[in-house]
Amino acid sequence: MASTTKEVATELLPLIRVYTDGSVERLFGSPIVPPSPDQDPETGVSSKDITISENPSISARLYLPKLTPHNQNQKFPILVYFHGGAFCVESAFSLLSHRCLNSIVSQANVVAISVEYRLAPEHPLPACYEDCWAALQWVASHSAGNGKEPWLINHGDFERIYIGGDSSGANTAHNLALRAGTECLPGGVKIFGAFLSQPYFWGSKPIGSESKEGHEKSLTSLIWSLVYPSATGGIDSPLINPFGPGAPSLAGLACDKLLVCVAEKDMLRERGVWYCDEVKKSGWKGEVELFEVKGEDHAFHFLNVEAENAKAMVKRLASFLK
């Protein structure tokens, strides 16, 4: 009798397992939860799911802050958000994303669009970048009256568009901010600000306190090889290493303000600090700020939302967006 045991091609614990037959088992991820069209009971934030594109398949969860007699005619800043998960796990519709976006939207009073992009390895990069750029274009198209989403038309302030994300989502926000410096968005819309939370940047050579042993075989390196196997320059592609060969100048970031958030115990911390320093040196004309949370590791504000440091992190993001 033939064995039904599948052979593992790649295993990146604790994230993902890929089999030789092409099937994928995602080992990390929070459960998918429904939106709250009638307001979230804790925050008063309303949310709904929409389709941006059928081919390729791009969708999003939209969030609207609680409307009151005082703000129902007000225009709110717009946040286009890209979730983390190493480009290969998690979702805009997951519990972790939904819970965090509810908190940010309620505290910042923004309209948020959390993008559900295609995941690697079934859809290797640059699929995520292209999907998120298409979502940003879709949002911007509403500024000239070409869109049909009432929450954006009635409540969005297109003079104050932000982009942001966590980990791989922060990497995406960085690359889109650069792209917006060379490609115009519909209606001449500009990105006002961007936040990069514990951004996923890496490179072939360790920096600062990064371990020199096993650097090339680190999980961070192996993830990039899985999600973008054809990347020019490999782990030194400008998309993952903003200071790699041929990387564009950070002076080209197309936003006016930038917030970079790092966590003290995160293995990606050094890259985030370096990025912030290099932006300051680049000649970029905007305002950049580094926000560090002591004693915490990667994605802490998602995994334990009730902790004081997580609350402080969300509060800082909200104040940046106000």
Protein backbone atom coordinates (compact mmCIF):
# COMPACT_ATOMS: atom_id res chain seq x y z
CA MET A 1 0.00 0.00 0.00
CA ALA A 2 1.42 3.36 -1.01
CA SER A 3 2.36 5.74 1.78
CA THR A 4 0.28 8.89 2.12
CA THR A 5 2.99 10.70 4.09
CA LYS A 6 3.96 13.91 2.33
CA GLU A 7 7.58 14.95 1.98
CA VAL A 8 8.64 18.27 3.45
CA ALA A 9 10.55 20.56 1.08
CA THR A 10 11.03 23.55 3.41
CA GLU A 11 10.24 24.03 7.08
CA LEU A 12 10.65 27.40 8.77
CA LEU A 13 9.58 27.01 12.38
CA PRO A 14 7.46 28.39 13.91
CA LEU A 15 5.91 29.85 10.75
CA ILE A 16 5.39 27.56 7.81
CA ARG A 17 5.95 24.14 6.24
CA VAL A 18 6.07 23.64 2.46
CA TYR A 19 5.76 20.17 0.91
CA THR A 20 7.29 18.83 -2.28
CA ASP A 21 3.83 18.59 -3.86
CA GLY A 22 3.50 22.37 -3.49
CA SER A 23 1.01 22.32 -0.62
CA VAL A 24 1.59 24.68 2.28
CA GLU A 25 0.90 24.30 5.99
CA ARG A 26 0.85 27.53 7.96
CA LEU A 27 1.90 26.85 11.54
CA PHE A 28 1.41 30.36 12.89
CA GLY A 29 -1.64 32.57 12.65
CA SER A 30 -4.60 33.76 14.65
CA PRO A 31 -8.15 32.74 13.74
CA ILE A 32 -10.15 34.63 11.13
CA VAL A 33 -12.83 36.80 12.73
CA PRO A 34 -15.81 38.61 11.15
CA PRO A 35 -15.99 42.40 10.83
CA SER A 36 -18.20 44.48 13.13
CA PRO A 37 -20.63 46.37 10.87
CA ASP A 38 -22.73 47.38 13.89
CA GLN A 39 -19.76 48.69 15.90
CA ASP A 40 -17.26 46.83 18.01
CA PRO A 41 -18.68 46.71 21.57
CA GLU A 42 -15.39 47.76 23.17
CA THR A 43 -14.30 50.59 20.87
CA GLY A 44 -17.41 51.62 18.92
CA VAL A 45 -15.44 51.13 15.67
CA SER A 46 -17.39 49.78 12.69
CA SER A 47 -15.77 47.51 10.12
CA LYS A 48 -16.67 45.75 6.89
CA ASP A 49 -14.95 43.68 4.21
CA ILE A 50 -14.72 44.82 0.59
CA THR A 51 -13.24 43.59 -2.68
CA ILE A 52 -10.67 45.81 -4.38
CA SER A 53 -9.79 43.53 -7.29
CA GLU A 54 -11.03 40.17 -8.57
CA ASN A 55 -7.94 39.47 -10.66
CA PRO A 56 -5.61 39.50 -8.90
CA SER A 57 -7.58 38.79 -5.75
CA ILE A 58 -7.19 41.80 -3.44
CA SER A 59 -9.59 42.59 -0.63
CA ALA A 60 -9.53 44.66 2.53
CA ARG A 61 -11.18 45.27 5.86
CA LEU A 62 -12.36 48.87 6.27
CA TYR A 63 -12.65 50.55 9.66
CA LEU A 64 -14.67 53.63 10.59
CA PRO A 65 -14.36 55.36 13.99
CA LYS A 66 -17.45 55.82 16.12
CA LEU A 67 -19.61 58.59 14.70
CA THR A 68 -21.18 61.09 17.08
CA PRO A 69 -23.21 64.30 16.60
CA HIS A 70 -19.90 66.15 17.00
CA ASN A 71 -17.88 64.32 14.34
CA GLN A 72 -20.36 62.76 11.90
CA ASN A 73 -19.64 65.44 9.29
CA GLN A 74 -15.92 65.46 9.98
CA LYS A 75 -13.28 64.23 7.54
CA PHE A 76 -10.86 61.78 9.14
CA PRO A 77 -7.26 60.95 8.17
CA ILE A 78 -6.96 57.77 6.08
CA LEU A 79 -4.63 54.92 7.04
CA VAL A 80 -3.75 52.25 4.48
CA TYR A 81 -2.38 49.41 6.60
CA PHE A 82 -0.31 46.34 5.67
CA HIS A 83 -0.33 43.43 8.12
CA GLY A 84 2.80 41.57 9.19
CA GLY A 85 3.53 37.86 9.03
CA ALA A 86 6.77 37.45 7.06
CA PHE A 87 4.82 37.82 3.78
CA CYS A 88 3.61 34.24 4.24
CA VAL A 89 1.26 34.03 7.26
CA GLU A 90 -1.52 36.03 8.96
CA SER A 91 -4.35 38.02 7.41
CA ALA A 92 -6.11 41.36 7.44
CA PHE A 93 -9.11 39.37 8.70
CA SER A 94 -7.33 37.68 11.60
CA LEU A 95 -8.01 38.26 15.27
CA LEU A 96 -4.60 39.86 15.87
CA SER A 97 -5.00 42.39 13.06
CA HIS A 98 -8.66 43.11 13.79
CA ARG A 99 -8.05 43.72 17.49
CA CYS A 100 -5.08 46.04 16.88
CA LEU A 101 -6.79 48.04 14.12
CA ASN A 102 -9.86 48.56 16.30
CA SER A 103 -7.63 50.09 18.99
CA ILE A 104 -5.70 52.31 16.57
CA VAL A 105 -8.82 53.55 14.76
CA SER A 106 -10.68 54.33 17.99
CA GLN A 107 -7.77 56.23 19.52
CA ALA A 108 -6.58 58.04 16.38
CA ASN A 109 -9.99 58.71 14.79
CA VAL A 110 -8.91 57.54 11.34
CA VAL A 111 -10.57 55.65 8.52
CA ALA A 112 -8.41 52.55 8.01
CA ILE A 113 -8.06 50.12 5.13
CA SER A 114 -6.29 46.91 6.13
CA VAL A 115 -5.16 45.20 2.92
CA GLU A 116 -5.59 41.46 2.35
CA TYR A 117 -2.77 40.79 -0.10
CA ARG A 118 -1.72 37.48 -1.64
CA LEU A 119 0.69 35.44 0.47
CA ALA A 120 3.93 33.70 -0.44
CA PRO A 121 5.08 31.09 -1.26
CA GLU A 122 2.03 30.38 -3.44
CA HIS A 123 2.30 33.99 -4.62
CA PRO A 124 5.96 34.97 -4.20
CA LEU A 125 7.04 38.57 -4.00
CA PRO A 126 6.59 41.03 -5.58
CA ALA A 127 2.89 39.97 -5.42
CA CYS A 128 2.40 41.58 -2.00
CA TYR A 129 4.01 44.84 -3.12
CA GLU A 130 1.89 44.96 -6.27
CA ASP A 131 -1.32 44.18 -4.38
CA CYS A 132 -0.66 46.84 -1.75
CA TRP A 133 0.23 49.41 -4.39
CA ALA A 134 -3.02 48.59 -6.21
CA ALA A 135 -4.93 49.03 -2.93
CA LEU A 136 -3.27 52.40 -2.35
CA GLN A 137 -4.20 53.45 -5.89
CA TRP A 138 -7.78 52.30 -5.24
CA VAL A 139 -7.98 54.47 -2.13
CA ALA A 140 -6.49 57.47 -3.92
CA SER A 141 -8.94 57.10 -6.81
CA HIS A 142 -11.74 58.14 -4.44
CA SER A 143 -10.20 61.61 -4.12
CA ALA A 144 -11.32 62.49 -7.64
CA GLY A 145 -14.75 60.93 -7.25
CA ASN A 146 -13.88 57.78 -9.19
CA GLY A 147 -14.43 55.36 -6.31
CA LYS A 148 -17.67 54.02 -4.91
CA GLU A 149 -16.82 53.32 -1.26
CA PRO A 150 -19.04 55.60 0.88
CA TRP A 151 -16.87 55.42 3.99
CA LEU A 152 -13.97 56.92 2.04
CA ILE A 153 -16.07 59.40 0.08
CA ASN A 154 -18.04 60.67 3.08
CA HIS A 155 -15.46 60.48 5.85
CA GLY A 156 -11.95 60.36 4.32
CA ASP A 157 -9.55 63.32 4.25
CA PHE A 158 -7.38 62.81 1.16
CA GLU A 159 -5.00 65.54 2.29
CA ARG A 160 -3.97 63.28 5.17
CA ILE A 161 -3.27 59.80 3.83
CA TYR A 162 -0.98 57.60 5.89
CA ILE A 163 0.51 54.22 5.15
CA GLY A 164 1.91 51.87 7.74
CA GLY A 165 2.53 48.32 8.78
CA ASP A 166 4.21 45.90 11.11
CA SER A 167 7.28 43.78 10.32
CA SER A 168 6.87 42.66 6.68
CA GLY A 169 4.02 45.19 6.48
CA ALA A 170 6.47 47.90 7.54
CA ASN A 171 8.85 46.71 4.83
CA THR A 172 5.98 47.08 2.37
CA ALA A 173 5.17 50.59 3.60
CA HIS A 174 8.81 51.62 3.09
CA ASN A 175 8.91 50.26 -0.45
CA LEU A 176 5.59 51.90 -1.36
CA ALA A 177 6.74 55.24 0.04
CA LEU A 178 9.74 55.03 -2.29
CA ARG A 179 7.57 53.97 -5.22
CA ALA A 180 5.24 56.90 -4.64
CA GLY A 181 8.25 59.16 -5.17
CA THR A 182 8.58 58.00 -8.79
CA GLU A 183 4.99 57.00 -9.69
CA CYS A 184 1.98 59.28 -9.28
CA LEU A 185 -1.12 58.20 -7.40
CA PRO A 186 -4.59 58.94 -8.88
CA GLY A 187 -5.84 62.47 -8.36
CA GLY A 188 -2.34 63.67 -7.52
CA VAL A 189 -2.82 62.28 -4.00
CA LYS A 190 0.26 62.46 -1.77
CA ILE A 191 1.22 60.31 1.21
CA PHE A 192 1.28 62.54 4.26
CA GLY A 193 2.94 60.15 6.68
CA ALA A 194 4.18 56.60 7.16
CA PHE A 195 4.90 54.43 10.18
CA LEU A 196 7.19 51.42 10.17
CA SER A 197 6.66 49.21 13.20
CA GLN A 198 9.56 46.79 13.84
CA PRO A 199 10.38 46.80 10.12
CA TYR A 200 11.63 43.64 8.42
CA PHE A 201 14.96 44.70 6.95
CA TRP A 202 18.01 42.45 6.63
CA GLY A 203 21.24 41.96 4.71
CA SER A 204 24.10 39.55 4.11
CA LYS A 205 26.44 41.23 6.61
CA PRO A 206 25.54 41.54 10.31
CA ILE A 207 25.50 45.01 11.82
CA GLY A 208 25.80 46.25 15.40
CA SER A 209 24.98 43.56 17.95
CA GLU A 210 23.57 41.12 15.39
CA SER A 211 25.10 37.66 15.76
CA LYS A 212 27.87 36.88 13.28
CA GLU A 213 27.41 33.14 13.73
CA GLY A 214 24.75 31.62 11.53
CA HIS A 215 23.73 35.00 10.10
CA GLU A 216 23.23 33.61 6.60
CA LYS A 217 21.10 30.75 7.96
CA SER A 218 19.04 32.89 10.32
CA LEU A 219 15.26 32.63 10.13
CA THR A 220 15.16 36.17 8.79
CA SER A 221 17.41 35.23 5.86
CA LEU A 222 15.61 31.95 5.16
CA ILE A 223 12.20 33.65 5.09
CA TRP A 224 13.36 36.03 2.37
CA SER A 225 14.68 33.14 0.28
CA LEU A 226 11.29 31.45 0.58
CA VAL A 227 9.07 34.45 -0.16
CA TYR A 228 11.20 35.98 -2.93
CA PRO A 229 13.49 33.31 -4.39
CA SER A 230 14.08 35.29 -7.59
CA ALA A 231 15.02 38.59 -5.89
CA THR A 232 17.89 40.32 -7.66
CA GLY A 233 20.67 40.54 -5.13
CA GLY A 234 19.10 37.93 -2.86
CA ILE A 235 19.15 39.02 0.77
CA ASP A 236 20.85 42.26 -0.32
CA SER A 237 18.02 43.20 -2.67
CA PRO A 238 17.15 46.87 -2.05
CA LEU A 239 13.64 45.65 -1.18
CA ILE A 240 14.91 43.96 2.00
CA ASN A 241 18.21 45.82 2.46
CA PRO A 242 17.64 49.57 1.99
CA PHE A 243 21.43 50.02 2.01
CA GLY A 244 22.28 47.19 -0.39
CA PRO A 245 23.93 47.61 -3.80
CA GLY A 246 21.81 49.77 -6.08
CA ALA A 247 19.37 50.77 -3.35
CA PRO A 248 17.64 54.09 -4.08
CA SER A 249 18.32 57.08 -1.86
CA LEU A 250 16.08 57.34 1.18
CA ALA A 251 15.74 61.02 0.28
CA GLY A 252 13.14 59.78 -2.21
CA LEU A 253 10.65 58.71 0.45
CA ALA A 254 7.39 60.33 -0.65
CA CYS A 255 5.91 61.40 2.68
CA ASP A 256 6.25 64.35 5.03
CA LYS A 257 6.57 62.54 8.34
CA LEU A 258 7.89 59.14 9.36
CA LEU A 259 7.72 57.13 12.58
CA VAL A 260 9.99 54.11 13.06
CA CYS A 261 9.14 51.84 16.01
CA VAL A 262 11.53 49.24 17.42
CA ALA A 263 11.53 46.82 20.35
CA GLU A 264 14.61 46.42 22.54
CA LYS A 265 14.83 42.61 22.36
CA ASP A 266 13.83 42.26 18.70
CA MET A 267 16.50 40.78 16.42
CA LEU A 268 15.40 43.36 13.83
CA ARG A 269 15.99 46.30 16.20
CA GLU A 270 19.44 47.27 14.88
CA ARG A 271 18.12 47.55 11.33
CA GLY A 272 15.26 49.80 12.38
CA VAL A 273 17.58 52.14 14.30
CA TRP A 274 20.05 52.20 11.40
CA TYR A 275 17.26 52.94 8.95
CA CYS A 276 16.08 55.88 11.03
CA ASP A 277 19.63 57.26 11.27
CA GLU A 278 20.20 56.89 7.52
CA VAL A 279 16.93 58.66 6.70
CA LYS A 280 18.15 61.62 8.76
CA LYS A 281 21.46 61.65 6.87
CA SER A 282 19.92 61.18 3.42
CA GLY A 283 18.77 64.73 2.86
CA TRP A 284 15.12 63.73 3.12
CA LYS A 285 13.08 66.84 3.86
CA GLY A 286 10.49 65.34 6.23
CA GLU A 287 10.32 64.76 9.97
CA VAL A 288 11.47 61.35 11.26
CA GLU A 289 11.20 59.98 14.78
CA LEU A 290 12.38 56.77 16.44
CA PHE A 291 10.20 55.21 19.14
CA GLU A 292 11.70 52.35 21.15
CA VAL A 293 9.92 50.13 23.65
CA LYS A 294 12.20 48.64 26.30
CA GLY A 295 12.07 45.02 27.39
CA GLU A 296 9.94 43.78 24.49
CA ASP A 297 10.40 41.46 21.53
CA HIS A 298 9.05 41.36 17.99
CA ALA A 299 5.28 41.91 17.51
CA PHE A 300 4.71 42.27 21.27
CA HIS A 301 1.84 44.74 20.85
CA PHE A 302 -0.15 42.22 18.82
CA LEU A 303 0.46 39.17 20.97
CA ASN A 304 -0.41 40.72 24.35
CA VAL A 305 -2.66 43.71 23.71
CA GLU A 306 -3.55 44.25 27.37
CA ALA A 307 0.06 44.71 28.49
CA GLU A 308 1.07 48.25 29.43
CA ASN A 309 3.84 48.40 26.82
CA ALA A 310 1.42 47.27 24.12
CA LYS A 311 -1.02 49.99 25.13
CA ALA A 312 1.81 52.56 25.06
CA MET A 313 2.79 51.39 21.57
CA VAL A 314 -0.74 51.74 20.19
CA LYS A 315 -1.09 55.11 21.89
CA ARG A 316 2.09 56.32 20.16
CA LEU A 317 0.87 55.12 16.77
CA ALA A 318 -2.48 56.84 17.35
CA SER A 319 -0.85 60.14 18.32
CA PHE A 320 1.27 60.00 15.16
CA LEU A 321 -1.87 59.62 13.05
CA LYS A 322 -3.84 62.40 14.72
